[in-house]
C-alpha atoms as a PDB file:
ATOM      1  CA  MET A   1      -3.942  41.136   5.409  1.00  0.00           C
ATOM      2  CA  ARG A   2      -6.737  42.442   8.069  1.00  0.00           C
ATOM      3  CA  LEU A   3      -9.823  39.948   8.627  1.00  0.00           C
ATOM      4  CA  GLY A   4     -12.803  42.191   7.537  1.00  0.00           C
ATOM      5  CA  LYS A   5     -16.783  41.756   7.098  1.00  0.00           C
ATOM      6  CA  LYS A   6     -16.184  40.437   3.649  1.00  0.00           C
ATOM      7  CA  SER A   7     -14.043  37.736   4.784  1.00  0.00           C
ATOM      8  CA  ARG A   8     -15.183  34.101   4.352  1.00  0.00           C
ATOM      9  CA  TYR A   9     -15.448  31.927   7.405  1.00  0.00           C
ATOM     10  CA  ASP A  10     -16.125  28.222   7.444  1.00  0.00           C
ATOM     11  CA  VAL A  11     -16.732  26.286  10.355  1.00  0.00           C
ATOM     12  CA  VAL A  12     -14.342  24.046  11.777  1.00  0.00           C
ATOM     13  CA  GLU A  13     -16.090  21.077  12.537  1.00  0.00           C
ATOM     14  CA  PRO A  14     -17.277  20.238   8.884  1.00  0.00           C
ATOM     15  CA  THR A  15     -14.095  20.687   6.918  1.00  0.00           C
ATOM     16  CA  TYR A  16     -10.217  20.614   7.651  1.00  0.00           C
ATOM     17  CA  THR A  17      -9.640  23.126   4.903  1.00  0.00           C
ATOM     18  CA  VAL A  18     -10.882  26.781   5.254  1.00  0.00           C
ATOM     19  CA  SER A  19     -11.039  29.584   2.511  1.00  0.00           C
ATOM     20  CA  TYR A  20      -9.134  32.455   4.157  1.00  0.00           C
ATOM     21  CA  ASN A  21      -5.341  32.328   4.014  1.00  0.00           C
ATOM     22  CA  TYR A  22      -2.864  34.913   4.732  1.00  0.00           C
ATOM     23  CA  GLY A  23      -1.290  34.950   1.232  1.00  0.00           C
ATOM     24  CA  SER A  24       1.087  32.967  -0.689  1.00  0.00           C
ATOM     25  CA  GLY A  25       4.605  32.120   1.294  1.00  0.00           C
ATOM     26  CA  THR A  26       3.116  33.298   4.570  1.00  0.00           C
ATOM     27  CA  SER A  27       3.056  30.898   7.381  1.00  0.00           C
ATOM     28  CA  SER A  28       0.926  31.017  10.480  1.00  0.00           C
ATOM     29  CA  SER A  29       3.831  32.106  12.465  1.00  0.00           C
ATOM     30  CA  PHE A  30       4.024  35.250  11.133  1.00  0.00           C
ATOM     31  CA  ALA A  31       0.119  35.733  10.637  1.00  0.00           C
ATOM     32  CA  PRO A  32      -1.158  39.392  11.942  1.00  0.00           C
ATOM     33  CA  LYS A  33      -2.089  39.470  15.229  1.00  0.00           C
ATOM     34  CA  LEU A  34      -6.019  38.706  15.853  1.00  0.00           C
ATOM     35  CA  PRO A  35      -8.416  39.887  18.225  1.00  0.00           C
ATOM     36  CA  TRP A  36      -9.111  37.420  20.833  1.00  0.00           C
ATOM     37  CA  THR A  37     -12.822  37.617  20.670  1.00  0.00           C
ATOM     38  CA  SER A  38     -15.646  39.863  19.861  1.00  0.00           C
ATOM     39  CA  THR A  39     -19.599  41.138  20.792  1.00  0.00           C
ATOM     40  CA  THR A  40     -21.048  38.724  18.191  1.00  0.00           C
ATOM     41  CA  GLU A  41     -18.984  35.825  20.041  1.00  0.00           C
ATOM     42  CA  ILE A  42     -20.041  36.696  23.746  1.00  0.00           C
ATOM     43  CA  ARG A  43     -23.562  37.264  22.404  1.00  0.00           C
ATOM     44  CA  ASP A  44     -23.599  33.971  21.019  1.00  0.00           C
ATOM     45  CA  ILE A  45     -21.584  32.193  23.777  1.00  0.00           C
ATOM     46  CA  LEU A  46     -24.012  33.830  26.341  1.00  0.00           C
ATOM     47  CA  ALA A  47     -27.033  32.550  24.247  1.00  0.00           C
ATOM     48  CA  ALA A  48     -25.720  29.071  24.107  1.00  0.00           C
ATOM     49  CA  VAL A  49     -24.860  28.985  28.010  1.00  0.00           C
ATOM     50  CA  SER A  50     -28.677  30.158  28.433  1.00  0.00           C
ATOM     51  CA  VAL A  51     -30.179  27.495  26.301  1.00  0.00           C
ATOM     52  CA  LEU A  52     -28.104  24.810  27.776  1.00  0.00           C
ATOM     53  CA  THR A  53     -28.416  25.777  31.536  1.00  0.00           C
ATOM     54  CA  LEU A  54     -32.231  25.688  30.977  1.00  0.00           C
ATOM     55  CA  ALA A  55     -32.087  22.253  29.185  1.00  0.00           C
ATOM     56  CA  PHE A  56     -29.893  20.701  31.808  1.00  0.00           C
ATOM     57  CA  PHE A  57     -31.873  22.267  34.989  1.00  0.00           C
ATOM     58  CA  TRP A  58     -35.132  20.826  33.112  1.00  0.00           C
ATOM     59  CA  LEU A  59     -33.612  17.241  33.113  1.00  0.00           C
ATOM     60  CA  GLY A  60     -32.216  17.649  36.530  1.00  0.00           C
ATOM     61  CA  TYR A  61     -34.828  19.090  38.553  1.00  0.00           C
ATOM     62  CA  GLY A  62     -36.599  17.102  40.770  1.00  0.00           C
ATOM     63  CA  ALA A  63     -33.767  15.227  42.064  1.00  0.00           C
ATOM     64  CA  GLY A  64     -33.031  15.463  45.596  1.00  0.00           C
ATOM     65  CA  ASP A  65     -35.222  17.455  48.219  1.00  0.00           C
ATOM     66  CA  HIS A  66     -33.436  21.041  46.627  1.00  0.00           C
ATOM     67  CA  GLY A  67     -35.396  23.832  45.204  1.00  0.00           C
ATOM     68  CA  VAL A  68     -35.389  25.636  42.002  1.00  0.00           C
ATOM     69  CA  LEU A  69     -32.814  27.933  42.718  1.00  0.00           C
ATOM     70  CA  TYR A  70     -30.588  25.189  43.633  1.00  0.00           C
ATOM     71  CA  HIS A  71     -30.752  23.009  40.652  1.00  0.00           C
ATOM     72  CA  LEU A  72     -30.743  26.357  38.582  1.00  0.00           C
ATOM     73  CA  SER A  73     -27.718  27.407  39.973  1.00  0.00           C
ATOM     74  CA  LEU A  74     -25.989  24.086  39.488  1.00  0.00           C
ATOM     75  CA  ALA A  75     -27.167  23.598  35.809  1.00  0.00           C
ATOM     76  CA  ALA A  76     -25.629  26.891  35.127  1.00  0.00           C
ATOM     77  CA  LEU A  77     -22.152  26.032  37.114  1.00  0.00           C
ATOM     78  CA  SER A  78     -21.851  22.779  34.957  1.00  0.00           C
ATOM     79  CA  VAL A  79     -22.500  24.454  31.697  1.00  0.00           C
ATOM     80  CA  ILE A  80     -20.335  27.141  32.150  1.00  0.00           C
ATOM     81  CA  VAL A  81     -17.437  25.105  32.920  1.00  0.00           C
ATOM     82  CA  GLY A  82     -18.072  22.374  30.403  1.00  0.00           C
ATOM     83  CA  PHE A  83     -19.138  24.167  27.819  1.00  0.00           C
ATOM     84  CA  LEU A  84     -16.555  27.136  27.823  1.00  0.00           C
ATOM     85  CA  LEU A  85     -13.941  24.123  28.442  1.00  0.00           C
ATOM     86  CA  HIS A  86     -14.964  22.894  25.125  1.00  0.00           C
ATOM     87  CA  GLU A  87     -15.416  25.703  23.039  1.00  0.00           C
ATOM     88  CA  LEU A  88     -12.232  27.561  24.729  1.00  0.00           C
ATOM     89  CA  SER A  89     -10.100  24.699  23.781  1.00  0.00           C
ATOM     90  CA  HIS A  90     -11.214  24.506  20.291  1.00  0.00           C
ATOM     91  CA  LYS A  91     -10.525  28.351  20.151  1.00  0.00           C
ATOM     92  CA  VAL A  92      -7.092  28.017  21.877  1.00  0.00           C
ATOM     93  CA  VAL A  93      -5.590  25.048  19.626  1.00  0.00           C
ATOM     94  CA  ALA A  94      -6.991  26.653  16.612  1.00  0.00           C
ATOM     95  CA  ARG A  95      -5.336  30.596  17.249  1.00  0.00           C
ATOM     96  CA  LYS A  96      -2.003  28.082  18.198  1.00  0.00           C
ATOM     97  CA  TYR A  97      -2.102  27.373  14.435  1.00  0.00           C
ATOM     98  CA  GLY A  98      -2.381  31.024  13.419  1.00  0.00           C
ATOM     99  CA  CYS A  99      -5.924  30.918  12.627  1.00  0.00           C
ATOM    100  CA  TRP A 100      -8.738  33.399  13.681  1.00  0.00           C
ATOM    101  CA  ALA A 101     -11.259  31.649  15.447  1.00  0.00           C
ATOM    102  CA  GLU A 102     -14.462  32.372  17.409  1.00  0.00           C
ATOM    103  CA  PHE A 103     -17.554  30.462  18.724  1.00  0.00           C
ATOM    104  CA  ARG A 104     -21.022  31.011  16.597  1.00  0.00           C
ATOM    105  CA  ALA A 105     -24.113  29.541  17.901  1.00  0.00           C
ATOM    106  CA  ASP A 106     -26.897  27.286  15.974  1.00  0.00           C
ATOM    107  CA  PHE A 107     -29.772  29.016  17.230  1.00  0.00           C
ATOM    108  CA  ARG A 108     -32.025  26.059  15.685  1.00  0.00           C
ATOM    109  CA  MET A 109     -29.911  23.837  17.299  1.00  0.00           C
ATOM    110  CA  LEU A 110     -30.628  25.511  20.534  1.00  0.00           C
ATOM    111  CA  GLY A 111     -34.014  26.066  20.267  1.00  0.00           C
ATOM    112  CA  LEU A 112     -34.304  22.074  19.254  1.00  0.00           C
ATOM    113  CA  ALA A 113     -31.859  21.411  22.633  1.00  0.00           C
ATOM    114  CA  LEU A 114     -34.631  23.205  24.870  1.00  0.00           C
ATOM    115  CA  LEU A 115     -37.249  21.540  23.136  1.00  0.00           C
ATOM    116  CA  MET A 116     -36.101  18.155  23.433  1.00  0.00           C
ATOM    117  CA  SER A 117     -35.017  18.492  27.268  1.00  0.00           C
ATOM    118  CA  PHE A 118     -38.692  18.325  27.811  1.00  0.00           C
ATOM    119  CA  PHE A 119     -38.671  14.808  26.519  1.00  0.00           C
ATOM    120  CA  GLY A 120     -35.884  13.943  28.849  1.00  0.00           C
ATOM    121  CA  PHE A 121     -33.033  13.953  26.291  1.00  0.00           C
ATOM    122  CA  LEU A 122     -30.222  16.692  26.212  1.00  0.00           C
ATOM    123  CA  LEU A 123     -29.192  17.698  23.055  1.00  0.00           C
ATOM    124  CA  ALA A 124     -25.577  19.145  23.190  1.00  0.00           C
ATOM    125  CA  ALA A 125     -25.171  21.056  19.849  1.00  0.00           C
ATOM    126  CA  PRO A 126     -25.162  24.625  20.154  1.00  0.00           C
ATOM    127  CA  GLY A 127     -22.810  25.846  17.722  1.00  0.00           C
ATOM    128  CA  ALA A 128     -19.346  25.820  16.601  1.00  0.00           C
ATOM    129  CA  VAL A 129     -15.861  27.421  16.938  1.00  0.00           C
ATOM    130  CA  MET A 130     -15.446  28.877  13.376  1.00  0.00           C
ATOM    131  CA  ILE A 131     -11.695  29.499  12.002  1.00  0.00           C
ATOM    132  CA  ALA A 132     -10.241  31.762   8.924  1.00  0.00           C
ATOM    133  CA  GLY A 133      -6.641  30.261   8.000  1.00  0.00           C
ATOM    134  CA  ARG A 134      -4.850  27.506   7.194  1.00  0.00           C
ATOM    135  CA  VAL A 135      -5.536  24.098   8.634  1.00  0.00           C
ATOM    136  CA  THR A 136      -4.183  20.629   7.475  1.00  0.00           C
ATOM    137  CA  LYS A 137      -5.948  17.445   8.191  1.00  0.00           C
ATOM    138  CA  GLU A 138      -4.173  16.628  10.971  1.00  0.00           C
ATOM    139  CA  GLN A 139      -4.167  20.189  12.613  1.00  0.00           C
ATOM    140  CA  ASN A 140      -8.156  20.074  12.156  1.00  0.00           C
ATOM    141  CA  GLY A 141      -8.069  16.758  13.999  1.00  0.00           C
ATOM    142  CA  ARG A 142      -6.214  18.093  16.845  1.00  0.00           C
ATOM    143  CA  ILE A 143      -8.588  21.215  16.989  1.00  0.00           C
ATOM    144  CA  SER A 144     -11.580  18.737  17.069  1.00  0.00           C
ATOM    145  CA  LEU A 145     -10.054  16.549  19.528  1.00  0.00           C
ATOM    146  CA  ALA A 146      -9.203  19.530  21.989  1.00  0.00           C
ATOM    147  CA  GLY A 147     -12.856  20.047  22.507  1.00  0.00           C
ATOM    148  CA  PRO A 148     -13.962  16.650  23.985  1.00  0.00           C
ATOM    149  CA  GLY A 149     -10.415  15.721  25.181  1.00  0.00           C
ATOM    150  CA  SER A 150     -10.409  18.771  27.654  1.00  0.00           C
ATOM    151  CA  ASN A 151     -14.106  17.458  29.030  1.00  0.00           C
ATOM    152  CA  PHE A 152     -12.578  13.957  29.487  1.00  0.00           C
ATOM    153  CA  LEU A 153      -9.774  15.387  31.462  1.00  0.00           C
ATOM    154  CA  ALA A 154     -11.817  17.479  33.488  1.00  0.00           C
ATOM    155  CA  ALA A 155     -14.085  14.349  34.435  1.00  0.00           C
ATOM    156  CA  VAL A 156     -10.868  12.529  35.561  1.00  0.00           C
ATOM    157  CA  VAL A 157      -9.874  14.938  37.563  1.00  0.00           C
ATOM    158  CA  LEU A 158     -13.557  15.269  39.070  1.00  0.00           C
ATOM    159  CA  MET A 159     -13.982  11.853  39.615  1.00  0.00           C
ATOM    160  CA  PRO A 160     -12.801  11.227  43.558  1.00  0.00           C
ATOM    161  CA  PHE A 161     -14.929  13.976  44.200  1.00  0.00           C
ATOM    162  CA  ALA A 162     -18.044  13.170  41.833  1.00  0.00           C
ATOM    163  CA  MET A 163     -17.878   9.008  42.774  1.00  0.00           C
ATOM    164  CA  PHE A 164     -17.336   8.930  46.165  1.00  0.00           C
ATOM    165  CA  THR A 165     -18.686  10.566  49.320  1.00  0.00           C
ATOM    166  CA  MET A 166     -15.309  11.261  51.029  1.00  0.00           C
ATOM    167  CA  SER A 167     -15.003  11.750  55.006  1.00  0.00           C
ATOM    168  CA  GLY A 168     -14.661  15.319  55.905  1.00  0.00           C
ATOM    169  CA  ILE A 169     -15.936  16.478  52.444  1.00  0.00           C
ATOM    170  CA  PRO A 170     -19.528  18.301  52.610  1.00  0.00           C
ATOM    171  CA  GLU A 171     -22.057  16.309  50.600  1.00  0.00           C
ATOM    172  CA  LEU A 172     -22.658  19.719  48.480  1.00  0.00           C
ATOM    173  CA  VAL A 173     -18.897  19.190  47.065  1.00  0.00           C
ATOM    174  CA  HIS A 174     -19.811  15.775  45.678  1.00  0.00           C
ATOM    175  CA  GLU A 175     -23.098  17.179  44.581  1.00  0.00           C
ATOM    176  CA  ILE A 176     -21.501  19.780  42.415  1.00  0.00           C
ATOM    177  CA  ALA A 177     -18.496  17.761  41.357  1.00  0.00           C
ATOM    178  CA  PHE A 178     -20.974  15.122  40.011  1.00  0.00           C
ATOM    179  CA  SER A 179     -23.042  17.455  38.076  1.00  0.00           C
ATOM    180  CA  LEU A 180     -19.924  18.877  36.493  1.00  0.00           C
ATOM    181  CA  TYR A 181     -18.544  15.330  35.640  1.00  0.00           C
ATOM    182  CA  PHE A 182     -21.774  14.537  34.072  1.00  0.00           C
ATOM    183  CA  PHE A 183     -22.291  17.439  31.782  1.00  0.00           C
ATOM    184  CA  SER A 184     -18.451  17.577  30.611  1.00  0.00           C
ATOM    185  CA  VAL A 185     -18.476  13.684  29.756  1.00  0.00           C
ATOM    186  CA  PHE A 186     -21.725  13.835  28.172  1.00  0.00           C
ATOM    187  CA  LEU A 187     -20.901  16.998  26.134  1.00  0.00           C
ATOM    188  CA  GLY A 188     -17.471  15.097  25.120  1.00  0.00           C
ATOM    189  CA  ALA A 189     -18.902  12.004  24.422  1.00  0.00           C
ATOM    190  CA  PHE A 190     -21.901  13.783  22.547  1.00  0.00           C
ATOM    191  CA  ASN A 191     -19.557  15.278  20.057  1.00  0.00           C
ATOM    192  CA  MET A 192     -17.574  12.030  19.691  1.00  0.00           C
ATOM    193  CA  ILE A 193     -20.481  10.958  17.110  1.00  0.00           C
ATOM    194  CA  PRO A 194     -18.626  10.197  13.937  1.00  0.00           C
ATOM    195  CA  PHE A 195     -20.725  12.299  11.762  1.00  0.00           C
ATOM    196  CA  MET A 196     -20.437  15.425  10.550  1.00  0.00           C
ATOM    197  CA  PRO A 197     -20.393  18.198  11.936  1.00  0.00           C
ATOM    198  CA  PHE A 198     -19.744  16.556  15.234  1.00  0.00           C
ATOM    199  CA  ASP A 199     -15.830  16.494  16.333  1.00  0.00           C
ATOM    200  CA  GLY A 200     -15.918  12.574  16.295  1.00  0.00           C
ATOM    201  CA  ALA A 201     -16.169  12.734  12.344  1.00  0.00           C
ATOM    202  CA  LYS A 202     -12.658  14.926  11.898  1.00  0.00           C
ATOM    203  CA  ILE A 203     -10.678  12.690  14.573  1.00  0.00           C
ATOM    204  CA  TRP A 204     -11.628   9.559  12.594  1.00  0.00           C
ATOM    205  CA  HIS A 205     -10.858  11.049   9.541  1.00  0.00           C
ATOM    206  CA  TRP A 206      -7.266  12.459  10.876  1.00  0.00           C
ATOM    207  CA  ASP A 207      -6.662   9.225  12.975  1.00  0.00           C
ATOM    208  CA  LYS A 208      -8.707   6.227  13.282  1.00  0.00           C
ATOM    209  CA  ARG A 209      -6.481   5.046  16.471  1.00  0.00           C
ATOM    210  CA  VAL A 210      -6.800   8.229  18.112  1.00  0.00           C
ATOM    211  CA  TYR A 211     -10.733   8.045  17.635  1.00  0.00           C
ATOM    212  CA  ILE A 212     -10.988   4.668  18.785  1.00  0.00           C
ATOM    213  CA  ILE A 213      -8.963   5.246  22.177  1.00  0.00           C
ATOM    214  CA  THR A 214     -10.951   8.680  22.744  1.00  0.00           C
ATOM    215  CA  LEU A 215     -14.114   6.917  22.191  1.00  0.00           C
ATOM    216  CA  VAL A 216     -13.084   4.124  24.716  1.00  0.00           C
ATOM    217  CA  ILE A 217     -12.516   6.706  27.641  1.00  0.00           C
ATOM    218  CA  ALA A 218     -15.743   8.491  26.088  1.00  0.00           C
ATOM    219  CA  GLY A 219     -17.363   5.048  26.761  1.00  0.00           C
ATOM    220  CA  LEU A 220     -15.845   4.417  30.189  1.00  0.00           C
ATOM    221  CA  LEU A 221     -16.320   7.992  31.810  1.00  0.00           C
ATOM    222  CA  PHE A 222     -20.064   7.807  30.762  1.00  0.00           C
ATOM    223  CA  TYR A 223     -20.646   4.149  32.254  1.00  0.00           C
ATOM    224  CA  LEU A 224     -19.381   5.822  35.317  1.00  0.00           C
ATOM    225  CA  ALA A 225     -21.444   8.720  35.045  1.00  0.00           C
ATOM    226  CA  LEU A 226     -24.618   6.275  34.458  1.00  0.00           C
ATOM    227  CA  ALA A 227     -24.010   4.296  37.359  1.00  0.00           C
ATOM    228  CA  GLY A 228     -23.124   7.215  39.292  1.00  0.00           C
ATOM    229  CA  PHE A 229     -27.066   7.914  39.516  1.00  0.00           C
END
């Protein structure tokens, strides 16, 4: 069966079952080959990256002696890496389970994120990966965990460069690593909120032990990010 314009899509974040399936007796391993992306997804990703970049730039601008272009570039790099890593991890795991998966921006939340940045708060809820296919509670939990989990893994890799000034390594590397670290940790930790439609709600519903362990990791990494200031 081919996905068409009239197919129903449900957001991965709110539920662990979705309305579309491949028909009775058809497993995800035999699902038809699905397109990796679309012009709509690319448009929504560009919109989300642009708004989050402006919001993160507004929060960070004024720190240090660098100019607007430096801070804007640093914000863009941090958002591109952290945001794409988060959303593409959702997408890759969902597709692993045989689902169609694409990011869709929430333009109301993006507008609110830009507005809140003027008051010193970063709202990291730009949209969600939507899927069509059969997913169980466990699969949806794993799909949800993939986003913040990838952010925390990236933060661990970046930690030595972000938290310590090493001899022989330019200060610019330290500043870039810390900006990437902070945004990734913030995005991952924000999405661990245990209420719908955040990832944390689905992880909690799937496995409370996994949620608690992930939350402890998020708290520790976020504490180190704040201490880095």
